[in-house]
PDB file of N, CA and C in Angstrom:
ATOM      1  N   UNK A   1     105.761 164.099 -65.731  1.00  0.00           N
ATOM      2  CA  UNK A   1     106.676 164.377 -64.688  1.00  0.00           C
ATOM      3  C   UNK A   1     106.511 163.523 -63.367  1.00  0.00           C
ATOM      4  N   UNK A   2     107.562 163.100 -63.007  1.00  0.00           N
ATOM      5  CA  UNK A   2     107.594 162.412 -61.890  1.00  0.00           C
ATOM      6  C   UNK A   2     108.021 163.308 -60.574  1.00  0.00           C
ATOM      7  N   UNK A   3     107.425 162.958 -59.437  1.00  0.00           N
ATOM      8  CA  UNK A   3     107.679 163.524 -58.237  1.00  0.00           C
ATOM      9  C   UNK A   3     108.647 162.664 -57.433  1.00  0.00           C
ATOM     10  N   UNK A   4     109.281 163.532 -56.978  1.00  0.00           N
ATOM     11  CA  UNK A   4     110.377 162.800 -56.049  1.00  0.00           C
ATOM     12  C   UNK A   4     109.627 162.367 -54.739  1.00  0.00           C
ATOM     13  N   UNK A   5     110.317 161.061 -54.395  1.00  0.00           N
ATOM     14  CA  UNK A   5     109.739 160.334 -53.265  1.00  0.00           C
ATOM     15  C   UNK A   5     110.493 160.848 -51.955  1.00  0.00           C
ATOM     16  N   UNK A   6     109.755 161.065 -50.993  1.00  0.00           N
ATOM     17  CA  UNK A   6     110.468 161.492 -49.823  1.00  0.00           C
ATOM     18  C   UNK A   6     111.183 160.198 -49.123  1.00  0.00           C
ATOM     19  N   UNK A   7     112.184 160.086 -48.540  1.00  0.00           N
ATOM     20  CA  UNK A   7     112.731 158.924 -48.038  1.00  0.00           C
ATOM     21  C   UNK A   7     112.246 159.068 -46.603  1.00  0.00           C
ATOM     22  N   UNK A   8     112.195 157.695 -46.015  1.00  0.00           N
ATOM     23  CA  UNK A   8     111.960 157.573 -44.699  1.00  0.00           C
ATOM     24  C   UNK A   8     112.834 158.145 -43.575  1.00  0.00           C
ATOM     25  N   UNK A   9     112.127 158.882 -42.632  1.00  0.00           N
ATOM     26  CA  UNK A   9     113.170 159.438 -41.685  1.00  0.00           C
ATOM     27  C   UNK A   9     113.393 158.405 -40.697  1.00  0.00           C
ATOM     28  N   UNK A  10     114.700 158.190 -40.349  1.00  0.00           N
ATOM     29  CA  UNK A  10     115.049 157.200 -39.528  1.00  0.00           C
ATOM     30  C   UNK A  10     115.011 157.653 -38.076  1.00  0.00           C
ATOM     31  N   UNK A  11     114.134 157.367 -37.183  1.00  0.00           N
ATOM     32  CA  UNK A  11     114.000 158.196 -35.655  1.00  0.00           C
ATOM     33  C   UNK A  11     115.205 157.624 -35.022  1.00  0.00           C
ATOM     34  N   UNK A  12     115.951 156.609 -35.193  1.00  0.00           N
ATOM     35  CA  UNK A  12     116.980 156.027 -34.255  1.00  0.00           C
ATOM     36  C   UNK A  12     118.372 156.228 -34.897  1.00  0.00           C
ATOM     37  N   UNK A  13     118.612 156.985 -35.988  1.00  0.00           N
ATOM     38  CA  UNK A  13     119.901 157.079 -36.728  1.00  0.00           C
ATOM     39  C   UNK A  13     120.782 157.976 -35.836  1.00  0.00           C
ATOM     40  N   UNK A  14     120.225 159.107 -35.424  1.00  0.00           N
ATOM     41  CA  UNK A  14     121.071 159.827 -34.569  1.00  0.00           C
ATOM     42  C   UNK A  14     121.724 159.321 -33.424  1.00  0.00           C
ATOM     43  N   UNK A  15     120.853 158.519 -32.645  1.00  0.00           N
ATOM     44  CA  UNK A  15     121.295 157.838 -31.483  1.00  0.00           C
ATOM     45  C   UNK A  15     122.081 156.687 -32.008  1.00  0.00           C
ATOM     46  N   UNK A  16     121.845 156.322 -32.961  1.00  0.00           N
ATOM     47  CA  UNK A  16     123.204 155.245 -33.284  1.00  0.00           C
ATOM     48  C   UNK A  16     124.428 155.701 -33.572  1.00  0.00           C
ATOM     49  N   UNK A  17     124.347 156.945 -34.230  1.00  0.00           N
ATOM     50  CA  UNK A  17     125.701 157.629 -34.197  1.00  0.00           C
ATOM     51  C   UNK A  17     126.268 158.026 -33.009  1.00  0.00           C
ATOM     52  N   UNK A  18     125.459 158.453 -32.274  1.00  0.00           N
ATOM     53  CA  UNK A  18     126.035 158.786 -30.880  1.00  0.00           C
ATOM     54  C   UNK A  18     126.523 157.579 -30.006  1.00  0.00           C
ATOM     55  N   UNK A  19     125.787 156.741 -30.070  1.00  0.00           N
ATOM     56  CA  UNK A  19     126.304 155.383 -29.534  1.00  0.00           C
ATOM     57  C   UNK A  19     127.323 154.828 -29.966  1.00  0.00           C
ATOM     58  N   UNK A  20     127.817 155.246 -31.273  1.00  0.00           N
ATOM     59  CA  UNK A  20     128.975 154.513 -31.902  1.00  0.00           C
ATOM     60  C   UNK A  20     130.018 155.322 -31.424  1.00  0.00           C
ATOM     61  N   UNK A  21     129.820 156.641 -31.711  1.00  0.00           N
ATOM     62  CA  UNK A  21     131.295 157.638 -31.110  1.00  0.00           C
ATOM     63  C   UNK A  21     131.222 157.194 -29.489  1.00  0.00           C
ATOM     64  N   UNK A  22     130.414 157.264 -28.761  1.00  0.00           N
ATOM     65  CA  UNK A  22     130.643 156.960 -27.291  1.00  0.00           C
ATOM     66  C   UNK A  22     131.344 155.641 -27.110  1.00  0.00           C
ATOM     67  N   UNK A  23     131.130 154.573 -27.937  1.00  0.00           N
ATOM     68  CA  UNK A  23     131.737 153.095 -27.760  1.00  0.00           C
ATOM     69  C   UNK A  23     133.241 153.432 -28.382  1.00  0.00           C
ATOM     70  N   UNK A  24     133.473 154.336 -29.204  1.00  0.00           N
ATOM     71  CA  UNK A  24     134.649 154.387 -29.599  1.00  0.00           C
ATOM     72  C   UNK A  24     135.753 155.281 -28.745  1.00  0.00           C
ATOM     73  N   UNK A  25     135.060 156.246 -28.014  1.00  0.00           N
ATOM     74  CA  UNK A  25     136.149 156.895 -27.113  1.00  0.00           C
ATOM     75  C   UNK A  25     136.016 156.581 -25.532  1.00  0.00           C
ATOM     76  N   UNK A  26     135.867 154.974 -25.538  1.00  0.00           N
ATOM     77  CA  UNK A  26     136.205 154.246 -24.128  1.00  0.00           C
ATOM     78  C   UNK A  26     134.960 154.805 -23.177  1.00  0.00           C
ATOM     79  N   UNK A  27     133.782 154.973 -23.629  1.00  0.00           N
ATOM     80  CA  UNK A  27     132.674 154.965 -22.610  1.00  0.00           C
ATOM     81  C   UNK A  27     131.570 154.250 -23.225  1.00  0.00           C
ATOM     82  N   UNK A  28     131.958 152.961 -23.415  1.00  0.00           N
ATOM     83  CA  UNK A  28     131.255 151.594 -23.906  1.00  0.00           C
ATOM     84  C   UNK A  28     130.069 151.325 -23.033  1.00  0.00           C
ATOM     85  N   UNK A  29     129.818 151.594 -21.683  1.00  0.00           N
ATOM     86  CA  UNK A  29     128.435 151.293 -21.122  1.00  0.00           C
ATOM     87  C   UNK A  29     127.422 152.332 -21.645  1.00  0.00           C
ATOM     88  N   UNK A  30     127.847 153.575 -21.709  1.00  0.00           N
ATOM     89  CA  UNK A  30     126.829 154.584 -22.591  1.00  0.00           C
ATOM     90  C   UNK A  30     126.813 154.400 -23.622  1.00  0.00           C
ATOM     91  N   UNK A  31     127.716 153.956 -24.620  1.00  0.00           N
ATOM     92  CA  UNK A  31     127.499 153.660 -26.068  1.00  0.00           C
ATOM     93  C   UNK A  31     126.687 152.405 -26.215  1.00  0.00           C
ATOM     94  N   UNK A  32     126.693 151.485 -25.345  1.00  0.00           N
ATOM     95  CA  UNK A  32     125.901 150.210 -25.527  1.00  0.00           C
ATOM     96  C   UNK A  32     124.396 150.558 -25.247  1.00  0.00           C
ATOM     97  N   UNK A  33     124.024 151.435 -24.348  1.00  0.00           N
ATOM     98  CA  UNK A  33     122.763 151.924 -23.793  1.00  0.00           C
ATOM     99  C   UNK A  33     122.135 152.804 -25.025  1.00  0.00           C
ATOM    100  N   UNK A  34     122.873 153.816 -25.501  1.00  0.00           N
ATOM    101  CA  UNK A  34     122.303 154.550 -26.517  1.00  0.00           C
ATOM    102  C   UNK A  34     122.166 153.864 -27.904  1.00  0.00           C
ATOM    103  N   UNK A  35     123.173 153.048 -27.941  1.00  0.00           N
ATOM    104  CA  UNK A  35     122.986 152.496 -29.264  1.00  0.00           C
ATOM    105  C   UNK A  35     121.878 151.297 -29.345  1.00  0.00           C
ATOM    106  N   UNK A  36     121.550 150.504 -28.184  1.00  0.00           N
ATOM    107  CA  UNK A  36     120.447 149.676 -28.154  1.00  0.00           C
ATOM    108  C   UNK A  36     119.038 150.571 -28.152  1.00  0.00           C
ATOM    109  N   UNK A  37     119.013 151.885 -27.674  1.00  0.00           N
ATOM    110  CA  UNK A  37     117.967 152.674 -27.751  1.00  0.00           C
ATOM    111  C   UNK A  37     117.675 153.093 -29.313  1.00  0.00           C
ATOM    112  N   UNK A  38     118.710 153.554 -29.977  1.00  0.00           N
ATOM    113  CA  UNK A  38     118.672 153.968 -31.320  1.00  0.00           C
ATOM    114  C   UNK A  38     118.360 152.627 -32.147  1.00  0.00           C
ATOM    115  N   UNK A  39     118.696 151.622 -32.120  1.00  0.00           N
ATOM    116  CA  UNK A  39     118.402 150.403 -32.849  1.00  0.00           C
ATOM    117  C   UNK A  39     116.828 149.973 -32.812  1.00  0.00           C
ATOM    118  N   UNK A  40     116.416 150.002 -31.201  1.00  0.00           N
ATOM    119  CA  UNK A  40     114.972 149.748 -30.958  1.00  0.00           C
ATOM    120  C   UNK A  40     114.123 150.942 -31.852  1.00  0.00           C
ATOM    121  N   UNK A  41     114.443 152.080 -31.739  1.00  0.00           N
ATOM    122  CA  UNK A  41     113.736 153.073 -32.496  1.00  0.00           C
ATOM    123  C   UNK A  41     113.724 152.866 -33.844  1.00  0.00           C
ATOM    124  N   UNK A  42     114.874 152.643 -34.339  1.00  0.00           N
ATOM    125  CA  UNK A  42     114.779 152.328 -35.942  1.00  0.00           C
ATOM    126  C   UNK A  42     114.002 151.072 -36.120  1.00  0.00           C
ATOM    127  N   UNK A  43     114.009 150.087 -35.461  1.00  0.00           N
ATOM    128  CA  UNK A  43     113.231 148.697 -35.728  1.00  0.00           C
ATOM    129  C   UNK A  43     111.734 148.916 -35.741  1.00  0.00           C
ATOM    130  N   UNK A  44     111.254 150.016 -34.702  1.00  0.00           N
ATOM    131  CA  UNK A  44     110.005 150.079 -34.505  1.00  0.00           C
ATOM    132  C   UNK A  44     109.343 150.845 -35.668  1.00  0.00           C
ATOM    133  N   UNK A  45     110.383 151.699 -36.317  1.00  0.00           N
ATOM    134  CA  UNK A  45     109.490 152.132 -37.798  1.00  0.00           C
ATOM    135  C   UNK A  45     110.130 151.142 -38.914  1.00  0.00           C
ATOM    136  N   UNK A  46     110.714 150.273 -38.520  1.00  0.00           N
ATOM    137  CA  UNK A  46     110.601 149.243 -40.027  1.00  0.00           C
ATOM    138  C   UNK A  46     112.028 149.518 -40.611  1.00  0.00           C
ATOM    139  N   UNK A  47     112.910 150.115 -39.979  1.00  0.00           N
ATOM    140  CA  UNK A  47     114.217 150.370 -40.467  1.00  0.00           C
ATOM    141  C   UNK A  47     115.496 149.821 -39.915  1.00  0.00           C
ATOM    142  N   UNK A  48     116.504 149.910 -40.655  1.00  0.00           N
ATOM    143  CA  UNK A  48     117.829 149.277 -39.818  1.00  0.00           C
ATOM    144  C   UNK A  48     118.475 150.345 -39.459  1.00  0.00           C
ATOM    145  N   UNK A  49     119.598 150.061 -38.735  1.00  0.00           N
ATOM    146  CA  UNK A  49     120.611 151.000 -38.117  1.00  0.00           C
ATOM    147  C   UNK A  49     121.985 150.606 -38.050  1.00  0.00           C
ATOM    148  N   UNK A  50     122.684 150.313 -39.060  1.00  0.00           N
ATOM    149  CA  UNK A  50     123.814 150.049 -38.916  1.00  0.00           C
ATOM    150  C   UNK A  50     124.831 150.682 -38.012  1.00  0.00           C
ATOM    151  N   UNK A  51     124.860 152.048 -37.766  1.00  0.00           N
ATOM    152  CA  UNK A  51     125.581 152.643 -36.619  1.00  0.00           C
ATOM    153  C   UNK A  51     125.369 151.995 -35.420  1.00  0.00           C
ATOM    154  N   UNK A  52     123.944 152.078 -35.003  1.00  0.00           N
ATOM    155  CA  UNK A  52     123.640 151.422 -33.788  1.00  0.00           C
ATOM    156  C   UNK A  52     124.101 149.987 -33.532  1.00  0.00           C
ATOM    157  N   UNK A  53     124.017 149.150 -34.611  1.00  0.00           N
ATOM    158  CA  UNK A  53     124.620 147.805 -34.454  1.00  0.00           C
ATOM    159  C   UNK A  53     126.016 147.764 -34.171  1.00  0.00           C
ATOM    160  N   UNK A  54     126.750 148.686 -35.026  1.00  0.00           N
ATOM    161  CA  UNK A  54     128.098 148.616 -34.846  1.00  0.00           C
ATOM    162  C   UNK A  54     128.674 149.327 -33.524  1.00  0.00           C
ATOM    163  N   UNK A  55     127.795 150.292 -32.913  1.00  0.00           N
ATOM    164  CA  UNK A  55     128.120 150.758 -31.558  1.00  0.00           C
ATOM    165  C   UNK A  55     127.660 149.719 -30.445  1.00  0.00           C
ATOM    166  N   UNK A  56     126.506 148.748 -30.550  1.00  0.00           N
ATOM    167  CA  UNK A  56     126.533 147.617 -29.881  1.00  0.00           C
ATOM    168  C   UNK A  56     127.732 146.666 -29.883  1.00  0.00           C
ATOM    169  N   UNK A  57     128.219 146.251 -30.975  1.00  0.00           N
ATOM    170  CA  UNK A  57     129.031 145.263 -31.251  1.00  0.00           C
ATOM    171  C   UNK A  57     130.391 145.945 -30.527  1.00  0.00           C
ATOM    172  N   UNK A  58     130.983 147.041 -31.012  1.00  0.00           N
ATOM    173  CA  UNK A  58     132.217 147.609 -30.445  1.00  0.00           C
ATOM    174  C   UNK A  58     131.965 148.062 -28.926  1.00  0.00           C
ATOM    175  N   UNK A  59     130.851 148.248 -28.300  1.00  0.00           N
ATOM    176  CA  UNK A  59     130.686 148.592 -26.843  1.00  0.00           C
ATOM    177  C   UNK A  59     130.800 147.144 -25.997  1.00  0.00           C
ATOM    178  N   UNK A  60     129.987 146.029 -26.546  1.00  0.00           N
ATOM    179  CA  UNK A  60     130.248 144.813 -25.926  1.00  0.00           C
ATOM    180  C   UNK A  60     131.771 144.125 -26.056  1.00  0.00           C
ATOM    181  N   UNK A  61     132.396 144.339 -27.036  1.00  0.00           N
ATOM    182  CA  UNK A  61     133.724 143.972 -27.130  1.00  0.00           C
ATOM    183  C   UNK A  61     134.709 144.743 -26.292  1.00  0.00           C
ATOM    184  N   UNK A  62     134.606 146.069 -26.169  1.00  0.00           N
ATOM    185  CA  UNK A  62     135.177 146.636 -25.551  1.00  0.00           C
ATOM    186  C   UNK A  62     135.098 146.435 -23.964  1.00  0.00           C
ATOM    187  N   UNK A  63     133.789 146.218 -23.323  1.00  0.00           N
ATOM    188  CA  UNK A  63     133.611 145.987 -22.093  1.00  0.00           C
ATOM    189  C   UNK A  63     134.069 144.607 -21.750  1.00  0.00           C
ATOM    190  N   UNK A  64     134.118 143.664 -22.595  1.00  0.00           N
ATOM    191  CA  UNK A  64     134.904 142.389 -22.179  1.00  0.00           C
ATOM    192  C   UNK A  64     136.185 142.598 -22.088  1.00  0.00           C
ATOM    193  N   UNK A  65     136.935 143.399 -23.015  1.00  0.00           N
ATOM    194  CA  UNK A  65     138.338 143.616 -22.929  1.00  0.00           C
ATOM    195  C   UNK A  65     138.746 144.372 -21.861  1.00  0.00           C
ATOM    196  N   UNK A  66     137.847 145.280 -21.322  1.00  0.00           N
ATOM    197  CA  UNK A  66     138.294 145.992 -20.025  1.00  0.00           C
ATOM    198  C   UNK A  66     138.013 144.924 -18.924  1.00  0.00           C
ATOM    199  N   UNK A  67     137.116 144.186 -18.995  1.00  0.00           N
ATOM    200  CA  UNK A  67     136.863 143.230 -17.803  1.00  0.00           C
ATOM    201  C   UNK A  67     137.924 142.296 -17.784  1.00  0.00           C
ATOM    202  N   UNK A  68     138.580 141.726 -18.877  1.00  0.00           N
ATOM    203  CA  UNK A  68     139.833 140.879 -18.942  1.00  0.00           C
ATOM    204  C   UNK A  68     141.128 141.644 -18.414  1.00  0.00           C
ATOM    205  N   UNK A  69     141.205 142.933 -18.686  1.00  0.00           N
ATOM    206  CA  UNK A  69     142.238 143.583 -18.248  1.00  0.00           C
ATOM    207  C   UNK A  69     142.400 143.878 -16.733  1.00  0.00           C
ATOM    208  N   UNK A  70     141.106 144.227 -16.250  1.00  0.00           N
ATOM    209  CA  UNK A  70     140.870 144.399 -14.734  1.00  0.00           C
ATOM    210  C   UNK A  70     141.208 143.149 -14.093  1.00  0.00           C
ATOM    211  N   UNK A  71     140.911 142.100 -14.594  1.00  0.00           N
ATOM    212  CA  UNK A  71     140.773 140.577 -13.751  1.00  0.00           C
ATOM    213  C   UNK A  71     142.349 140.309 -13.846  1.00  0.00           C
ATOM    214  N   UNK A  72     143.094 140.492 -14.828  1.00  0.00           N
ATOM    215  CA  UNK A  72     144.345 140.323 -15.019  1.00  0.00           C
ATOM    216  C   UNK A  72     145.430 141.183 -13.925  1.00  0.00           C
ATOM    217  N   UNK A  73     144.850 142.598 -14.121  1.00  0.00           N
ATOM    218  CA  UNK A  73     145.608 143.462 -12.999  1.00  0.00           C
ATOM    219  C   UNK A  73     145.546 143.010 -11.595  1.00  0.00           C
ATOM    220  N   UNK A  74     143.980 142.655 -11.337  1.00  0.00           N
ATOM    221  CA  UNK A  74     143.925 142.308  -9.738  1.00  0.00           C
ATOM    222  C   UNK A  74     144.561 140.984  -9.549  1.00  0.00           C
ATOM    223  N   UNK A  75     144.599 139.984 -10.390  1.00  0.00           N
ATOM    224  CA  UNK A  75     145.396 138.733 -10.188  1.00  0.00           C
ATOM    225  C   UNK A  75     146.724 139.037  -9.965  1.00  0.00           C
ATOM    226  N   UNK A  76     147.180 139.956 -10.749  1.00  0.00           N
ATOM    227  CA  UNK A  76     148.736 140.341 -10.598  1.00  0.00           C
ATOM    228  C   UNK A  76     149.103 141.008  -9.294  1.00  0.00           C
ATOM    229  N   UNK A  77     148.152 141.899  -8.799  1.00  0.00           N
ATOM    230  CA  UNK A  77     148.385 142.541  -7.475  1.00  0.00           C
ATOM    231  C   UNK A  77     147.997 141.570  -6.412  1.00  0.00           C
ATOM    232  N   UNK A  78     147.045 140.545  -6.468  1.00  0.00           N
ATOM    233  CA  UNK A  78     147.034 139.686  -5.417  1.00  0.00           C
ATOM    234  C   UNK A  78     148.307 138.712  -5.313  1.00  0.00           C
ATOM    235  N   UNK A  79     148.878 138.457  -6.388  1.00  0.00           N
ATOM    236  CA  UNK A  79     149.992 137.566  -6.487  1.00  0.00           C
ATOM    237  C   UNK A  79     151.256 138.347  -5.727  1.00  0.00           C
ATOM    238  N   UNK A  80     151.354 139.568  -6.154  1.00  0.00           N
ATOM    239  CA  UNK A  80     152.478 140.411  -5.683  1.00  0.00           C
ATOM    240  C   UNK A  80     152.266 140.620  -4.301  1.00  0.00           C
ATOM    241  N   UNK A  81     151.051 140.737  -3.686  1.00  0.00           N
ATOM    242  CA  UNK A  81     150.884 140.832  -2.320  1.00  0.00           C
ATOM    243  C   UNK A  81     151.131 139.741  -1.476  1.00  0.00           C
ATOM    244  N   UNK A  82     150.746 138.541  -2.282  1.00  0.00           N
ATOM    245  CA  UNK A  82     151.241 137.180  -1.574  1.00  0.00           C
ATOM    246  C   UNK A  82     152.664 136.955  -1.397  1.00  0.00           C
ATOM    247  N   UNK A  83     153.434 137.571  -2.465  1.00  0.00           N
ATOM    248  CA  UNK A  83     154.701 137.288  -2.626  1.00  0.00           C
ATOM    249  C   UNK A  83     155.515 138.036  -1.595  1.00  0.00           C
ATOM    250  N   UNK A  84     154.879 139.348  -1.448  1.00  0.00           N
ATOM    251  CA  UNK A  84     155.588 140.222  -0.533  1.00  0.00           C
ATOM    252  C   UNK A  84     155.267 139.815   0.979  1.00  0.00           C
ATOM    253  N   UNK A  85     154.017 139.138   1.332  1.00  0.00           N
ATOM    254  CA  UNK A  85     153.756 138.850   2.691  1.00  0.00           C
ATOM    255  C   UNK A  85     154.632 137.513   3.062  1.00  0.00           C
ATOM    256  N   UNK A  86     154.851 136.752   1.897  1.00  0.00           N
ATOM    257  CA  UNK A  86     155.640 135.581   2.382  1.00  0.00           C
ATOM    258  C   UNK A  86     157.139 135.908   2.508  1.00  0.00           C
ATOM    259  N   UNK A  87     157.578 136.846   1.542  1.00  0.00           N
ATOM    260  CA  UNK A  87     159.044 137.295   1.764  1.00  0.00           C
ATOM    261  C   UNK A  87     159.340 138.459   2.473  1.00  0.00           C
ATOM    262  N   UNK A  88     158.483 139.193   3.031  1.00  0.00           N
ATOM    263  CA  UNK A  88     158.734 140.168   3.872  1.00  0.00           C
ATOM    264  C   UNK A  88     159.309 141.719   3.106  1.00  0.00           C
ATOM    265  N   UNK A  89     159.792 142.480   3.819  1.00  0.00           N
ATOM    266  CA  UNK A  89     160.364 143.445   3.264  1.00  0.00           C
ATOM    267  C   UNK A  89     161.666 143.345   2.392  1.00  0.00           C
ATOM    268  N   UNK A  90     161.939 144.107   1.516  1.00  0.00           N
ATOM    269  CA  UNK A  90     163.252 143.990   0.754  1.00  0.00           C
ATOM    270  C   UNK A  90     163.376 143.809  -0.828  1.00  0.00           C
ATOM    271  N   UNK A  91     164.289 143.654  -1.405  1.00  0.00           N
ATOM    272  CA  UNK A  91     164.235 143.513  -2.762  1.00  0.00           C
ATOM    273  C   UNK A  91     164.634 142.334  -3.233  1.00  0.00           C
ATOM    274  N   UNK A  92     163.833 141.528  -4.079  1.00  0.00           N
ATOM    275  CA  UNK A  92     163.968 139.880  -4.317  1.00  0.00           C
ATOM    276  C   UNK A  92     163.956 139.925  -5.802  1.00  0.00           C
ATOM    277  N   UNK A  93     164.671 138.721  -6.218  1.00  0.00           N
ATOM    278  CA  UNK A  93     164.692 138.349  -7.613  1.00  0.00           C
ATOM    279  C   UNK A  93     163.865 137.054  -7.646  1.00  0.00           C
ATOM    280  N   UNK A  94     162.655 137.470  -8.537  1.00  0.00           N
ATOM    281  CA  UNK A  94     161.557 136.202  -8.649  1.00  0.00           C
ATOM    282  C   UNK A  94     161.592 135.802 -10.259  1.00  0.00           C
ATOM    283  N   UNK A  95     162.260 134.642 -10.626  1.00  0.00           N
ATOM    284  CA  UNK A  95     162.269 134.354 -12.063  1.00  0.00           C
ATOM    285  C   UNK A  95     162.816 135.544 -12.842  1.00  0.00           C
ATOM    286  N   UNK A  96     163.875 136.117 -12.495  1.00  0.00           N
ATOM    287  CA  UNK A  96     164.401 136.921 -13.369  1.00  0.00           C
ATOM    288  C   UNK A  96     163.901 138.414 -13.361  1.00  0.00           C
ATOM    289  N   UNK A  97     162.768 138.745 -12.509  1.00  0.00           N
ATOM    290  CA  UNK A  97     161.994 140.003 -12.112  1.00  0.00           C
ATOM    291  C   UNK A  97     162.396 140.460 -10.922  1.00  0.00           C
ATOM    292  N   UNK A  98     162.924 141.505 -10.792  1.00  0.00           N
ATOM    293  CA  UNK A  98     163.075 142.202  -9.631  1.00  0.00           C
ATOM    294  C   UNK A  98     161.760 142.819  -8.928  1.00  0.00           C
ATOM    295  N   UNK A  99     161.442 142.344  -7.665  1.00  0.00           N
ATOM    296  CA  UNK A  99     160.334 142.660  -6.818  1.00  0.00           C
ATOM    297  C   UNK A  99     160.943 143.282  -5.681  1.00  0.00           C
ATOM    298  N   UNK A 100     160.399 144.698  -5.365  1.00  0.00           N
ATOM    299  CA  UNK A 100     160.647 145.434  -4.344  1.00  0.00           C
ATOM    300  C   UNK A 100     159.557 145.456  -3.353  1.00  0.00           C
ATOM    301  N   UNK A 101     159.444 144.795  -2.119  1.00  0.00           N
ATOM    302  CA  UNK A 101     158.318 144.685  -0.976  1.00  0.00           C
ATOM    303  C   UNK A 101     158.828 145.649  -0.032  1.00  0.00           C
ATOM    304  N   UNK A 102     157.747 146.124   0.414  1.00  0.00           N
ATOM    305  CA  UNK A 102     157.822 147.090   1.634  1.00  0.00           C
ATOM    306  C   UNK A 102     158.211 148.419   1.118  1.00  0.00           C
ATOM    307  N   UNK A 103     158.505 149.354   2.321  1.00  0.00           N
ATOM    308  CA  UNK A 103     158.790 150.722   1.831  1.00  0.00           C
ATOM    309  C   UNK A 103     160.350 150.894   1.669  1.00  0.00           C
TER     310      UNK A 103
END
């Protein structure tokens, strides 16, 4: 008769899952931190943690995308402010785009 072998408990698995979920619901900085902690805990016990690795990857990609979106939005705002400063108040056509400056 064989006795069942107990599987190793992965101490970082729950943190890996939580980090992955956080990274998927637009809380990438928190997801990144929790995923890294989960991966480190798993590695210290000699186990892998696919959930934590996925959370890290998705968080980093999300942070990069948000950074690009913010940079584009700020650039567009600066360009609009410069256009309105140059032309003053009024409604203008700028290469087929209607721009309203001032109140």
